Structure formats: C-alpha cells, structure tokens
C-alpha atoms as a PDB file:
ATOM      1  CA  MET A   1      10.554  21.346 -13.464  1.00  0.00           C
ATOM      2  CA  ARG A   2       8.249  19.610 -11.003  1.00  0.00           C
ATOM      3  CA  HIS A   3       4.675  19.216 -12.171  1.00  0.00           C
ATOM      4  CA  LEU A   4       1.849  17.796 -10.022  1.00  0.00           C
ATOM      5  CA  VAL A   5      -1.259  16.565 -11.861  1.00  0.00           C
ATOM      6  CA  VAL A   6      -4.365  15.909  -9.747  1.00  0.00           C
ATOM      7  CA  GLY A   7      -7.970  14.925 -10.385  1.00  0.00           C
ATOM      8  CA  PRO A   8     -10.427  12.030 -10.255  1.00  0.00           C
ATOM      9  CA  ARG A   9     -10.084   8.837 -12.228  1.00  0.00           C
ATOM     10  CA  GLY A  10     -11.212   8.710 -15.855  1.00  0.00           C
ATOM     11  CA  VAL A  11     -10.410  12.321 -16.803  1.00  0.00           C
ATOM     12  CA  GLY A  12      -7.248  11.647 -18.834  1.00  0.00           C
ATOM     13  CA  LYS A  13      -4.569  12.437 -16.232  1.00  0.00           C
ATOM     14  CA  THR A  14      -2.235   9.627 -17.274  1.00  0.00           C
ATOM     15  CA  VAL A  15      -2.339  10.475 -20.991  1.00  0.00           C
ATOM     16  CA  PHE A  16      -1.757  14.143 -20.113  1.00  0.00           C
ATOM     17  CA  CYS A  17       1.222  13.193 -17.924  1.00  0.00           C
ATOM     18  CA  GLN A  18       2.708  10.969 -20.618  1.00  0.00           C
ATOM     19  CA  ARG A  19       2.475  13.816 -23.107  1.00  0.00           C
ATOM     20  CA  LEU A  20       4.132  16.153 -20.601  1.00  0.00           C
ATOM     21  CA  CYS A  21       6.969  13.703 -20.102  1.00  0.00           C
ATOM     22  CA  ARG A  22       7.604  13.402 -23.826  1.00  0.00           C
ATOM     23  CA  ASP A  23       7.506  17.175 -24.339  1.00  0.00           C
ATOM     24  CA  GLU A  24       9.630  18.034 -21.297  1.00  0.00           C
ATOM     25  CA  ALA A  25      11.891  14.922 -21.234  1.00  0.00           C
ATOM     26  CA  ALA A  26      10.589  14.379 -17.698  1.00  0.00           C
ATOM     27  CA  MET A  27      10.302  11.322 -15.499  1.00  0.00           C
ATOM     28  CA  PHE A  28       6.818  10.218 -14.447  1.00  0.00           C
ATOM     29  CA  LEU A  29       5.557   8.873 -11.106  1.00  0.00           C
ATOM     30  CA  ASN A  30       2.061   7.391 -11.176  1.00  0.00           C
ATOM     31  CA  LEU A  31       0.696   7.458  -7.619  1.00  0.00           C
ATOM     32  CA  ASP A  32      -2.616   5.847  -8.604  1.00  0.00           C
ATOM     33  CA  PRO A  33      -2.418   2.294  -7.183  1.00  0.00           C
ATOM     34  CA  ALA A  34      -5.595   1.237  -9.019  1.00  0.00           C
ATOM     35  CA  SER A  35      -4.292   2.085 -12.488  1.00  0.00           C
ATOM     36  CA  GLN A  36      -0.827   0.792 -13.339  1.00  0.00           C
ATOM     37  CA  THR A  37       0.538  -0.479 -16.633  1.00  0.00           C
ATOM     38  CA  SER A  38       3.595  -2.673 -16.111  1.00  0.00           C
ATOM     39  CA  ALA A  39       3.601  -2.587 -12.291  1.00  0.00           C
ATOM     40  CA  PRO A  40       1.156  -4.634 -10.200  1.00  0.00           C
ATOM     41  CA  LEU A  41      -1.937  -3.033  -8.754  1.00  0.00           C
ATOM     42  CA  CYS A  42      -1.665  -1.582  -5.229  1.00  0.00           C
ATOM     43  CA  CYS A  43       1.647  -0.001  -6.255  1.00  0.00           C
ATOM     44  CA  ALA A  44       3.069   3.302  -7.471  1.00  0.00           C
ATOM     45  CA  GLU A  45       5.270   3.142 -10.576  1.00  0.00           C
ATOM     46  CA  LEU A  46       8.127   5.305 -11.814  1.00  0.00           C
ATOM     47  CA  PHE A  47       9.026   5.790 -15.507  1.00  0.00           C
ATOM     48  CA  ASP A  48      12.000   7.453 -17.187  1.00  0.00           C
ATOM     49  CA  ALA A  49      11.666  10.189 -19.800  1.00  0.00           C
ATOM     50  CA  GLY A  50      11.138   7.567 -22.496  1.00  0.00           C
ATOM     51  CA  MET A  51       8.280   5.995 -20.481  1.00  0.00           C
ATOM     52  CA  SER A  52      10.318   2.888 -19.681  1.00  0.00           C
ATOM     53  CA  PRO A  53       9.497   1.520 -16.205  1.00  0.00           C
ATOM     54  CA  LEU A  54      12.183   2.049 -13.557  1.00  0.00           C
ATOM     55  CA  GLY A  55      10.524   0.241 -10.652  1.00  0.00           C
ATOM     56  CA  PHE A  56       7.597   0.401  -8.274  1.00  0.00           C
ATOM     57  CA  ARG A  57       6.763   0.905  -4.620  1.00  0.00           C
ATOM     58  CA  PHE A  58       4.069  -1.090  -2.850  1.00  0.00           C
ATOM     59  CA  ILE A  59       1.203   1.044  -1.479  1.00  0.00           C
ATOM     60  CA  GLY A  60      -1.072  -1.781  -0.330  1.00  0.00           C
ATOM     61  CA  SER A  61      -4.436  -0.317  -1.315  1.00  0.00           C
ATOM     62  CA  LEU A  62      -6.338   0.561  -4.463  1.00  0.00           C
ATOM     63  CA  VAL A  63      -7.290   3.924  -2.953  1.00  0.00           C
ATOM     64  CA  ALA A  64      -4.464   6.396  -3.301  1.00  0.00           C
ATOM     65  CA  TRP A  65      -4.779   8.175   0.055  1.00  0.00           C
ATOM     66  CA  ARG A  66      -5.450   5.154   2.315  1.00  0.00           C
ATOM     67  CA  ASP A  67      -1.782   4.770   3.224  1.00  0.00           C
ATOM     68  CA  PRO A  68      -0.239   8.260   3.164  1.00  0.00           C
ATOM     69  CA  ILE A  69       3.065   7.074   4.642  1.00  0.00           C
ATOM     70  CA  ALA A  70       3.562   4.615   1.781  1.00  0.00           C
ATOM     71  CA  MET A  71       2.645   7.302  -0.745  1.00  0.00           C
ATOM     72  CA  LEU A  72       5.111   9.793   0.715  1.00  0.00           C
ATOM     73  CA  ALA A  73       7.789   7.085   0.752  1.00  0.00           C
ATOM     74  CA  ALA A  74       7.119   6.426  -2.944  1.00  0.00           C
ATOM     75  CA  LEU A  75       7.370  10.140  -3.668  1.00  0.00           C
ATOM     76  CA  ASP A  76      10.666  10.438  -1.756  1.00  0.00           C
ATOM     77  CA  TRP A  77      12.024   7.432  -3.671  1.00  0.00           C
ATOM     78  CA  ALA A  78      11.086   8.983  -7.031  1.00  0.00           C
ATOM     79  CA  MET A  79      12.506  12.386  -6.097  1.00  0.00           C
ATOM     80  CA  GLU A  80      15.792  10.794  -5.034  1.00  0.00           C
ATOM     81  CA  ILE A  81      16.101   8.929  -8.348  1.00  0.00           C
ATOM     82  CA  ALA A  82      15.066  11.952 -10.406  1.00  0.00           C
ATOM     83  CA  GLY A  83      17.493  14.320  -8.682  1.00  0.00           C
ATOM     84  CA  ASP A  84      17.579  17.535 -10.715  1.00  0.00           C
ATOM     85  CA  LYS A  85      15.729  15.999 -13.674  1.00  0.00           C
ATOM     86  CA  PRO A  86      12.156  17.113 -14.446  1.00  0.00           C
ATOM     87  CA  LEU A  87       9.537  15.005 -12.680  1.00  0.00           C
ATOM     88  CA  VAL A  88       5.783  14.723 -13.264  1.00  0.00           C
ATOM     89  CA  VAL A  89       3.627  13.203 -10.509  1.00  0.00           C
ATOM     90  CA  GLU A  90       0.053  12.019 -10.957  1.00  0.00           C
ATOM     91  CA  LEU A  91      -2.211  11.896  -7.898  1.00  0.00           C
ATOM     92  CA  THR A  92      -5.833  10.756  -7.896  1.00  0.00           C
ATOM     93  CA  ILE A  93      -8.260  12.812  -5.822  1.00  0.00           C
ATOM     94  CA  SER A  94     -11.998  13.254  -6.312  1.00  0.00           C
ATOM     95  CA  THR A  95     -13.381  14.294  -2.917  1.00  0.00           C
ATOM     96  CA  VAL A  96     -12.703  17.000  -0.371  1.00  0.00           C
ATOM     97  CA  GLY A  97     -12.798  14.626   2.589  1.00  0.00           C
ATOM     98  CA  ALA A  98     -10.396  15.404   5.412  1.00  0.00           C
ATOM     99  CA  VAL A  99      -7.997  12.510   4.793  1.00  0.00           C
ATOM    100  CA  ALA A 100      -7.821  12.963   1.021  1.00  0.00           C
ATOM    101  CA  VAL A 101      -7.281  16.720   1.334  1.00  0.00           C
ATOM    102  CA  ASN A 102      -4.551  16.328   3.947  1.00  0.00           C
ATOM    103  CA  VAL A 103      -2.769  13.771   1.764  1.00  0.00           C
ATOM    104  CA  LEU A 104      -2.943  16.177  -1.191  1.00  0.00           C
ATOM    105  CA  ARG A 105      -1.504  18.936   0.999  1.00  0.00           C
ATOM    106  CA  ALA A 106       1.250  16.662   2.324  1.00  0.00           C
ATOM    107  CA  ILE A 107       2.224  15.563  -1.195  1.00  0.00           C
ATOM    108  CA  THR A 108       2.291  19.211  -2.298  1.00  0.00           C
ATOM    109  CA  GLU A 109       4.422  20.274   0.658  1.00  0.00           C
ATOM    110  CA  ARG A 110       6.887  17.419   0.134  1.00  0.00           C
ATOM    111  CA  PHE A 111       7.071  17.674  -3.660  1.00  0.00           C
ATOM    112  CA  ARG A 112       7.119  21.497  -3.937  1.00  0.00           C
ATOM    113  CA  PRO A 113       5.812  21.529  -7.532  1.00  0.00           C
ATOM    114  CA  SER A 114       6.462  24.451  -9.839  1.00  0.00           C
ATOM    115  CA  LEU A 115       3.003  23.942 -11.386  1.00  0.00           C
ATOM    116  CA  ILE A 116      -0.150  22.102 -10.344  1.00  0.00           C
ATOM    117  CA  SER A 117      -2.569  20.960 -13.044  1.00  0.00           C
ATOM    118  CA  SER A 118      -6.023  20.133 -11.702  1.00  0.00           C
ATOM    119  CA  ILE A 119      -8.012  18.138 -14.254  1.00  0.00           C
ATOM    120  CA  GLY A 120     -11.721  17.818 -13.596  1.00  0.00           C
ATOM    121  CA  PHE A 121     -11.283  18.756  -9.921  1.00  0.00           C
ATOM    122  CA  ASP A 122     -12.240  22.380  -9.314  1.00  0.00           C
ATOM    123  CA  SER A 123     -11.529  22.343  -5.571  1.00  0.00           C
ATOM    124  CA  ALA A 124      -7.732  22.049  -5.824  1.00  0.00           C
ATOM    125  CA  ALA A 125      -6.961  25.778  -5.626  1.00  0.00           C
ATOM    126  CA  ALA A 126      -9.204  26.232  -2.584  1.00  0.00           C
ATOM    127  CA  VAL A 127      -7.967  23.281  -0.547  1.00  0.00           C
ATOM    128  CA  LEU A 128      -4.304  24.024  -1.358  1.00  0.00           C
ATOM    129  CA  GLN A 129      -4.479  27.773  -0.759  1.00  0.00           C
ATOM    130  CA  PRO A 130      -2.601  27.780   2.604  1.00  0.00           C
ATOM    131  CA  PHE A 131      -0.126  25.099   1.514  1.00  0.00           C
ATOM    132  CA  ARG A 132       1.239  26.060  -1.884  1.00  0.00           C
ATOM    133  CA  ASP A 133       3.482  28.482  -3.662  1.00  0.00           C
ATOM    134  CA  ALA A 134       2.900  27.078  -7.153  1.00  0.00           C
ATOM    135  CA  PRO A 135       0.089  28.260  -9.420  1.00  0.00           C
ATOM    136  CA  VAL A 136      -2.892  25.946  -9.947  1.00  0.00           C
ATOM    137  CA  GLN A 137      -3.952  25.421 -13.553  1.00  0.00           C
ATOM    138  CA  GLU A 138      -7.579  24.230 -13.697  1.00  0.00           C
ATOM    139  CA  MET A 139      -8.358  22.102 -16.744  1.00  0.00           C
ATOM    140  CA  ALA A 140     -11.418  20.381 -18.151  1.00  0.00           C
ATOM    141  CA  PRO A 141     -11.385  16.556 -18.456  1.00  0.00           C
ATOM    142  CA  GLN A 142      -9.064  15.449 -21.242  1.00  0.00           C
ATOM    143  CA  THR A 143     -11.118  12.440 -22.342  1.00  0.00           C
ATOM    144  CA  ASP A 144     -13.772  12.567 -25.045  1.00  0.00           C
ATOM    145  CA  GLY A 145     -15.975   9.839 -23.587  1.00  0.00           C
ATOM    146  CA  SER A 146     -17.271   8.919 -20.164  1.00  0.00           C
ATOM    147  CA  PRO A 147     -15.110   7.032 -17.658  1.00  0.00           C
ATOM    148  CA  HIS A 148     -15.147   3.262 -17.752  1.00  0.00           C
ATOM    149  CA  SER A 149     -18.032   1.562 -16.010  1.00  0.00           C
ATOM    150  CA  GLN A 150     -17.525  -0.115 -12.672  1.00  0.00           C
ATOM    151  CA  GLN A 151     -18.053  -3.503 -14.331  1.00  0.00           C
ATOM    152  CA  SER A 152     -15.362  -2.922 -16.951  1.00  0.00           C
ATOM    153  CA  GLU A 153     -12.948  -1.604 -14.310  1.00  0.00           C
ATOM    154  CA  SER A 154     -13.528  -4.700 -12.163  1.00  0.00           C
ATOM    155  CA  ALA A 155     -12.991  -7.000 -15.142  1.00  0.00           C
ATOM    156  CA  TRP A 156      -9.778  -5.197 -16.064  1.00  0.00           C
ATOM    157  CA  ARG A 157      -8.466  -5.435 -12.498  1.00  0.00           C
ATOM    158  CA  LYS A 158      -9.327  -9.130 -12.267  1.00  0.00           C
ATOM    159  CA  ALA A 159      -7.371  -9.774 -15.465  1.00  0.00           C
ATOM    160  CA  LYS A 160      -4.497  -7.746 -14.042  1.00  0.00           C
ATOM    161  CA  TRP A 161      -4.523  -9.781 -10.814  1.00  0.00           C
ATOM    162  CA  LYS A 162      -4.571 -13.033 -12.817  1.00  0.00           C
ATOM    163  CA  GLY A 163      -1.548 -11.881 -14.769  1.00  0.00           C
ATOM    164  CA  THR A 164       0.271 -10.979 -11.553  1.00  0.00           C
ATOM    165  CA  PHE A 165      -0.302 -14.345  -9.896  1.00  0.00           C
ATOM    166  CA  GLY A 166      -0.208 -16.459 -13.044  1.00  0.00           C
ATOM    167  CA  ASN A 167       3.299 -17.871 -12.557  1.00  0.00           C
ATOM    168  CA  CYS A 168       3.718 -18.025  -8.810  1.00  0.00           C
ATOM    169  CA  GLU A 169       4.454 -20.651  -6.213  1.00  0.00           C
ATOM    170  CA  THR A 170       3.622 -20.934  -2.523  1.00  0.00           C
ATOM    171  CA  ARG A 171       6.325 -21.200   0.123  1.00  0.00           C
ATOM    172  CA  ALA A 172       6.244 -21.231   3.895  1.00  0.00           C
ATOM    173  CA  ILE A 173       8.268 -18.251   5.123  1.00  0.00           C
ATOM    174  CA  PRO A 174       9.406 -18.635   8.759  1.00  0.00           C
ATOM    175  CA  ILE A 175       8.209 -15.708  10.838  1.00  0.00           C
ATOM    176  CA  PRO A 176      11.430 -15.429  12.884  1.00  0.00           C
ATOM    177  CA  GLY A 177      13.904 -13.370  10.880  1.00  0.00           C
ATOM    178  CA  LEU A 178      11.224 -11.846   8.652  1.00  0.00           C
ATOM    179  CA  GLN A 179      10.340  -8.200   9.106  1.00  0.00           C
ATOM    180  CA  MET A 180       6.667  -7.327   8.756  1.00  0.00           C
ATOM    181  CA  ILE A 181       5.326  -3.821   8.257  1.00  0.00           C
ATOM    182  CA  GLY A 182       1.674  -2.806   8.338  1.00  0.00           C
ATOM    183  CA  SER A 183      -0.856  -0.412   9.806  1.00  0.00           C
ATOM    184  CA  ARG A 184      -1.082  -2.687  12.844  1.00  0.00           C
ATOM    185  CA  ILE A 185       0.872  -5.901  12.500  1.00  0.00           C
ATOM    186  CA  GLY A 186       4.573  -5.177  12.250  1.00  0.00           C
ATOM    187  CA  SER A 187       4.338  -1.781  13.939  1.00  0.00           C
ATOM    188  CA  GLY A 188       5.096  -2.909  17.512  1.00  0.00           C
ATOM    189  CA  ALA A 189       7.610  -4.953  19.491  1.00  0.00           C
ATOM    190  CA  ARG A 190       7.299  -8.589  18.474  1.00  0.00           C
ATOM    191  CA  LEU A 191       7.117 -11.142  21.285  1.00  0.00           C
ATOM    192  CA  ASP A 192      10.100 -13.475  21.131  1.00  0.00           C
ATOM    193  CA  ASP A 193       9.809 -17.268  21.345  1.00  0.00           C
ATOM    194  CA  ILE A 194       9.971 -17.317  25.140  1.00  0.00           C
ATOM    195  CA  GLU A 195       7.355 -14.559  25.500  1.00  0.00           C
ATOM    196  CA  LEU A 196       5.100 -16.196  22.925  1.00  0.00           C
ATOM    197  CA  SER A 197       5.348 -19.492  24.815  1.00  0.00           C
ATOM    198  CA  LYS A 198       4.363 -17.657  27.995  1.00  0.00           C
ATOM    199  CA  LEU A 199       1.365 -16.151  26.208  1.00  0.00           C
ATOM    200  CA  ARG A 200       0.286 -19.605  25.127  1.00  0.00           C
ATOM    201  CA  GLU A 201       0.682 -20.965  28.656  1.00  0.00           C
ATOM    202  CA  ILE A 202      -1.554 -18.199  29.988  1.00  0.00           C
ATOM    203  CA  GLY A 203      -4.384 -19.474  27.837  1.00  0.00           C
ATOM    204  CA  LEU A 204      -3.926 -18.223  24.265  1.00  0.00           C
ATOM    205  CA  ALA A 205      -2.685 -21.640  23.198  1.00  0.00           C
ATOM    206  CA  ASP A 206      -3.329 -21.065  19.493  1.00  0.00           C
ATOM    207  CA  ALA A 207      -1.537 -17.716  19.298  1.00  0.00           C
ATOM    208  CA  ALA A 208       0.378 -17.664  16.017  1.00  0.00           C
ATOM    209  CA  TYR A 209       2.016 -14.272  16.466  1.00  0.00           C
ATOM    210  CA  ALA A 210       1.923 -11.398  18.947  1.00  0.00           C
ATOM    211  CA  GLU A 211       3.219  -7.861  19.404  1.00  0.00           C
ATOM    212  CA  VAL A 212       3.039  -5.158  22.030  1.00  0.00           C
ATOM    213  CA  ILE A 213       2.085  -1.819  20.508  1.00  0.00           C
ATOM    214  CA  GLY A 214       2.199   0.880  23.156  1.00  0.00           C
ATOM    215  CA  ARG A 215      -0.062  -0.499  25.900  1.00  0.00           C
ATOM    216  CA  THR A 216      -1.959  -2.857  23.587  1.00  0.00           C
ATOM    217  CA  LEU A 217      -1.287  -6.567  23.149  1.00  0.00           C
ATOM    218  CA  TYR A 218      -1.976  -7.536  19.546  1.00  0.00           C
ATOM    219  CA  ALA A 219      -2.232 -11.277  18.826  1.00  0.00           C
ATOM    220  CA  VAL A 220      -3.079 -13.433  15.848  1.00  0.00           C
ATOM    221  CA  PHE A 221      -5.173 -16.044  17.612  1.00  0.00           C
ATOM    222  CA  ALA A 222      -7.472 -18.766  16.265  1.00  0.00           C
ATOM    223  CA  GLY A 223      -9.219 -19.889  19.461  1.00  0.00           C
ATOM    224  CA  ASN A 224     -11.601 -18.464  22.022  1.00  0.00           C
ATOM    225  CA  ALA A 225     -10.477 -16.598  25.139  1.00  0.00           C
ATOM    226  CA  ASP A 226     -12.483 -15.458  28.153  1.00  0.00           C
ATOM    227  CA  SER A 227     -12.035 -12.084  29.817  1.00  0.00           C
ATOM    228  CA  GLU A 228      -9.974 -13.547  32.660  1.00  0.00           C
ATOM    229  CA  THR A 229      -7.435 -15.046  30.255  1.00  0.00           C
ATOM    230  CA  ILE A 230      -7.198 -11.813  28.303  1.00  0.00           C
ATOM    231  CA  GLY A 231      -6.726  -9.894  31.565  1.00  0.00           C
ATOM    232  CA  ASP A 232      -3.916 -12.233  32.629  1.00  0.00           C
ATOM    233  CA  ALA A 233      -2.222 -11.786  29.256  1.00  0.00           C
ATOM    234  CA  CYS A 234      -2.456  -7.996  29.497  1.00  0.00           C
ATOM    235  CA  ARG A 235      -0.977  -7.974  32.996  1.00  0.00           C
ATOM    236  CA  GLU A 236       1.861 -10.284  31.940  1.00  0.00           C
ATOM    237  CA  PHE A 237       2.963  -7.873  29.230  1.00  0.00           C
ATOM    238  CA  ASP A 238       2.031  -4.622  31.023  1.00  0.00           C
ATOM    239  CA  CYS A 239      -0.776  -3.793  28.598  1.00  0.00           C
ATOM    240  CA  GLN A 240      -4.121  -2.117  29.141  1.00  0.00           C
ATOM    241  CA  THR A 241      -5.988  -3.745  26.272  1.00  0.00           C
ATOM    242  CA  ALA A 242      -5.702  -6.768  23.990  1.00  0.00           C
ATOM    243  CA  HIS A 243      -6.640  -7.029  20.343  1.00  0.00           C
ATOM    244  CA  LEU A 244      -7.160 -10.532  18.918  1.00  0.00           C
ATOM    245  CA  VAL A 245      -7.399 -11.231  15.182  1.00  0.00           C
ATOM    246  CA  HIS A 246      -8.120 -14.638  13.650  1.00  0.00           C
ATOM    247  CA  PRO A 247      -5.454 -15.961  11.225  1.00  0.00           C
ATOM    248  CA  ARG A 248      -8.164 -16.342   8.563  1.00  0.00           C
ATOM    249  CA  THR A 249      -8.303 -12.544   8.441  1.00  0.00           C
ATOM    250  CA  PHE A 250      -5.019 -12.521   6.538  1.00  0.00           C
ATOM    251  CA  VAL A 251      -5.862 -15.209   3.970  1.00  0.00           C
ATOM    252  CA  GLY A 252      -5.747 -13.669   0.501  1.00  0.00           C
ATOM    253  CA  LEU A 253      -4.077 -10.476   1.728  1.00  0.00           C
ATOM    254  CA  VAL A 254      -1.868  -8.852  -0.910  1.00  0.00           C
ATOM    255  CA  CYS A 255       1.629  -8.039   0.381  1.00  0.00           C
ATOM    256  CA  GLY A 256       4.704  -6.301  -0.953  1.00  0.00           C
ATOM    257  CA  LEU A 257       8.030  -8.154  -0.980  1.00  0.00           C
ATOM    258  CA  GLU A 258      11.149  -6.102  -0.322  1.00  0.00           C
ATOM    259  CA  THR A 259      14.840  -6.869  -0.365  1.00  0.00           C
ATOM    260  CA  GLN A 260      17.308  -5.805   2.311  1.00  0.00           C
ATOM    261  CA  ASN A 261      18.324  -2.946  -0.006  1.00  0.00           C
ATOM    262  CA  GLY A 262      14.775  -1.588   0.112  1.00  0.00           C
ATOM    263  CA  ILE A 263      13.910  -2.672  -3.435  1.00  0.00           C
ATOM    264  CA  HIS A 264      10.278  -3.638  -3.971  1.00  0.00           C
ATOM    265  CA  SER A 265      10.765  -6.823  -5.971  1.00  0.00           C
ATOM    266  CA  ALA A 266       7.232  -8.256  -6.275  1.00  0.00           C
ATOM    267  CA  ILE A 267       3.847  -8.569  -4.656  1.00  0.00           C
ATOM    268  CA  GLY A 268       2.519 -11.742  -3.062  1.00  0.00           C
ATOM    269  CA  ARG A 269      -0.626 -13.137  -1.489  1.00  0.00           C
ATOM    270  CA  VAL A 270      -0.998 -14.766   1.930  1.00  0.00           C
ATOM    271  CA  LYS A 271      -2.345 -18.296   1.645  1.00  0.00           C
ATOM    272  CA  LYS A 272      -2.071 -19.240   5.335  1.00  0.00           C
ATOM    273  CA  PHE A 273      -0.852 -17.708   8.608  1.00  0.00           C
ATOM    274  CA  ASP A 274       0.121 -20.239  11.267  1.00  0.00           C
ATOM    275  CA  GLY A 275       2.301 -20.334  14.350  1.00  0.00           C
ATOM    276  CA  ASP A 276       5.574 -20.936  12.549  1.00  0.00           C
ATOM    277  CA  ALA A 277       5.298 -19.337   9.156  1.00  0.00           C
ATOM    278  CA  ILE A 278       3.409 -17.235   6.660  1.00  0.00           C
ATOM    279  CA  HIS A 279       2.537 -19.287   3.600  1.00  0.00           C
ATOM    280  CA  LEU A 280       3.030 -16.835   0.771  1.00  0.00           C
ATOM    281  CA  GLU A 281       2.207 -17.061  -2.937  1.00  0.00           C
ATOM    282  CA  ALA A 282       4.630 -15.006  -5.040  1.00  0.00           C
ATOM    283  CA  PRO A 283       7.001 -15.255  -8.037  1.00  0.00           C
ATOM    284  CA  SER A 284       9.637 -17.861  -7.180  1.00  0.00           C
ATOM    285  CA  VAL A 285      12.598 -15.567  -7.869  1.00  0.00           C
ATOM    286  CA  SER A 286      11.357 -12.995  -5.351  1.00  0.00           C
ATOM    287  CA  PHE A 287      11.729 -15.434  -2.433  1.00  0.00           C
ATOM    288  CA  ASP A 288      15.512 -15.541  -2.845  1.00  0.00           C
ATOM    289  CA  SER A 289      15.996 -11.949  -1.651  1.00  0.00           C
ATOM    290  CA  LEU A 290      12.917 -11.540   0.562  1.00  0.00           C
ATOM    291  CA  TRP A 291      13.728  -9.619   3.739  1.00  0.00           C
ATOM    292  CA  ARG A 292      10.660  -7.525   4.563  1.00  0.00           C
ATOM    293  CA  LEU A 293       6.969  -8.216   4.023  1.00  0.00           C
ATOM    294  CA  ARG A 294       4.792  -5.136   3.756  1.00  0.00           C
ATOM    295  CA  MET A 295       1.216  -6.038   4.642  1.00  0.00           C
ATOM    296  CA  GLY A 296      -1.384  -4.457   2.372  1.00  0.00           C
ATOM    297  CA  ARG A 297      -5.145  -4.072   2.715  1.00  0.00           C
ATOM    298  CA  MET A 298      -6.645  -5.707  -0.378  1.00  0.00           C
ATOM    299  CA  ARG A 299      -7.705  -9.357  -0.182  1.00  0.00           C
ATOM    300  CA  LEU A 300      -8.274 -11.724  -3.115  1.00  0.00           C
ATOM    301  CA  ASP A 301      -9.795 -15.182  -3.337  1.00  0.00           C
ATOM    302  CA  ASP A 302      -8.148 -18.044  -5.215  1.00  0.00           C
ATOM    303  CA  ASP A 303      -9.766 -16.902  -8.458  1.00  0.00           C
ATOM    304  CA  GLU A 304      -8.457 -13.329  -8.103  1.00  0.00           C
ATOM    305  CA  ASN A 305     -11.821 -11.863  -7.183  1.00  0.00           C
ATOM    306  CA  GLU A 306     -11.433  -8.840  -4.910  1.00  0.00           C
ATOM    307  CA  LEU A 307     -12.806  -9.423  -1.410  1.00  0.00           C
ATOM    308  CA  GLY A 308     -12.470  -5.818  -0.307  1.00  0.00           C
ATOM    309  CA  GLU A 309      -9.897  -4.087   1.848  1.00  0.00           C
ATOM    310  CA  LEU A 310      -9.212  -4.765   5.512  1.00  0.00           C
ATOM    311  CA  ARG A 311      -9.488  -1.932   7.991  1.00  0.00           C
ATOM    312  CA  ALA A 312      -6.314  -0.390   9.337  1.00  0.00           C
ATOM    313  CA  TRP A 313      -6.648  -1.959  12.795  1.00  0.00           C
ATOM    314  CA  GLN A 314      -6.812  -5.447  11.281  1.00  0.00           C
ATOM    315  CA  VAL A 315      -3.453  -5.259   9.532  1.00  0.00           C
END
C-alpha cells in the first residue's frame, strides 16, 4: 500500500496520516519542511509503523516545493527504506501555480501511489488527471478549528529553531576537501588554489570562493570590481558572464550536514564565509563525520529570528 496525502497546511493531514499508519502498520514520510516533530525544520522526516523517527533529509526551505530535487531525493530514500512495506507520504500543496503543480505531478509519478487523499484541496484530481493511475479521494478538512495564526506559527518556529541551535558550537571548516551542494554554489567546477590565486591577481583580491558553472563565473567576493576586471576574469576562465555575491549573503544560512555515507546527521548555520573556511554553527558531534554541506535557503539571525529565504541564484 502506497498512500499519498495532499492539501494545504492546517487541515489535519498529519493527524490523518498518523492514524493511517497505525491502522495499516505503515511507515510515514512527512514532506512538509515547515512542520516537523523530532526533526529540524527545513527537513523531511521518516517514521516507522510505530511512529518512531528513523531519520531525516535536509530540504533547505520551509516551502515544500522550492527544492524539488531535494524532495524527490527524500522520497527515494524513504521508498528504499520502506521496500515492500506500506508507506504513507504527506505533501503540502495549496495553490495551482506551475511549480507546485509540477512538483505534485513529479512526486505522484515517482511514488506511484495506490490511493491519493486530497484534504481541503479540490484541485488535485484535475491537475493530476494526465499523470495518475490511482483514484483521488477528496476529503473535507479534518480539523475542527481554524488553522493557527501566522503569529503563533512564527512563535512556534522560533522556539523550534532555538531548540535546534541550543547546544551547538562554531567551528571553522576548511573549504578544500569539503563538498558543497546548492542551487548555485556547489553546482559547478570549483576553482582550485592556483586558479583562485589567478582570479585574485586579476583584480578580485577578496574572492573567498569561485566556481565555473557552464559559461558563468560565480564568485563569493567582498570587494568592488569594475567592468574591465570582470571582463578579464571572464576571459581567463572562458566565461561569458560573472556573478558576484558578497560573503555576508551567507551569514545565518541554514545548511544540512551529511556524512560520506549520505546520512543527514544535523543542520547547521553559517556564521562567517571567508577565503579559507566556512565558520559553521552546529552540534559538536556532527562535525566529526561532516563530508558534505548542503546549502539551504532560510537565513536566521543570532536570536533565531527568520530573515527570509535567499533566491536560488544566490545559493
């Protein structure tokens, strides 16, 4: 049995899924990164049939469909662990925007559910019509009251962030030897030490990090550069355009920490990004096995207030 449960937030999807899991002895994957219980926010969490947490996958955003690749990776991970066991998947969707609808279709195609329950979202059958074989069961909201107010949601998330970063330390993680993955940074060919030195000699003396992504030079750069310097840098690395981002852009950015075995061990927060290292705040034990840093979108200040999410081209 594979059961997909979709709908907006505040309609009782999670309680419905938990009841399903108890009744069907099914595992449960919560793909809502803004509403987790034991896992940190910005993650998807997997539970066994007894609702004990089995692990989480970092998504990097509080909006479920903002990083579809991460969501599909979380789904693949859960399906591999579940094997032939029943699996219930919860996916938050409230609009019929192009991106959200395509993510819903991609999840449906990958998951191949035997039943789709649409709670408080009466567009599911229409938008999935060309992409499904499973019946769609439309249901009214399962909650008796109205959804939580924006203020109460923000307060709950702030408390959740404080709990996540309550017992952490900050360490400088050398950039060489560390893999970085993100919508922009970590998706190209990193300049090595010799190439980075050449970039600095050209005129980007404060460049902390640089990659070539297709025909674009992407650099984390704190200074000012004129058009001639940027043109010289592009010609040096056979690029057509250059994209410069200030290191301050990454301060407070929430990141996922992964081991070499692909286990998502913790989340961290960037405190500083300089030429030699990323200064990262995270649980001390997670540093011992850190191999890959997955750059998210959400930024927090030192008091765990949300500063909003960066755009894809920035990270």
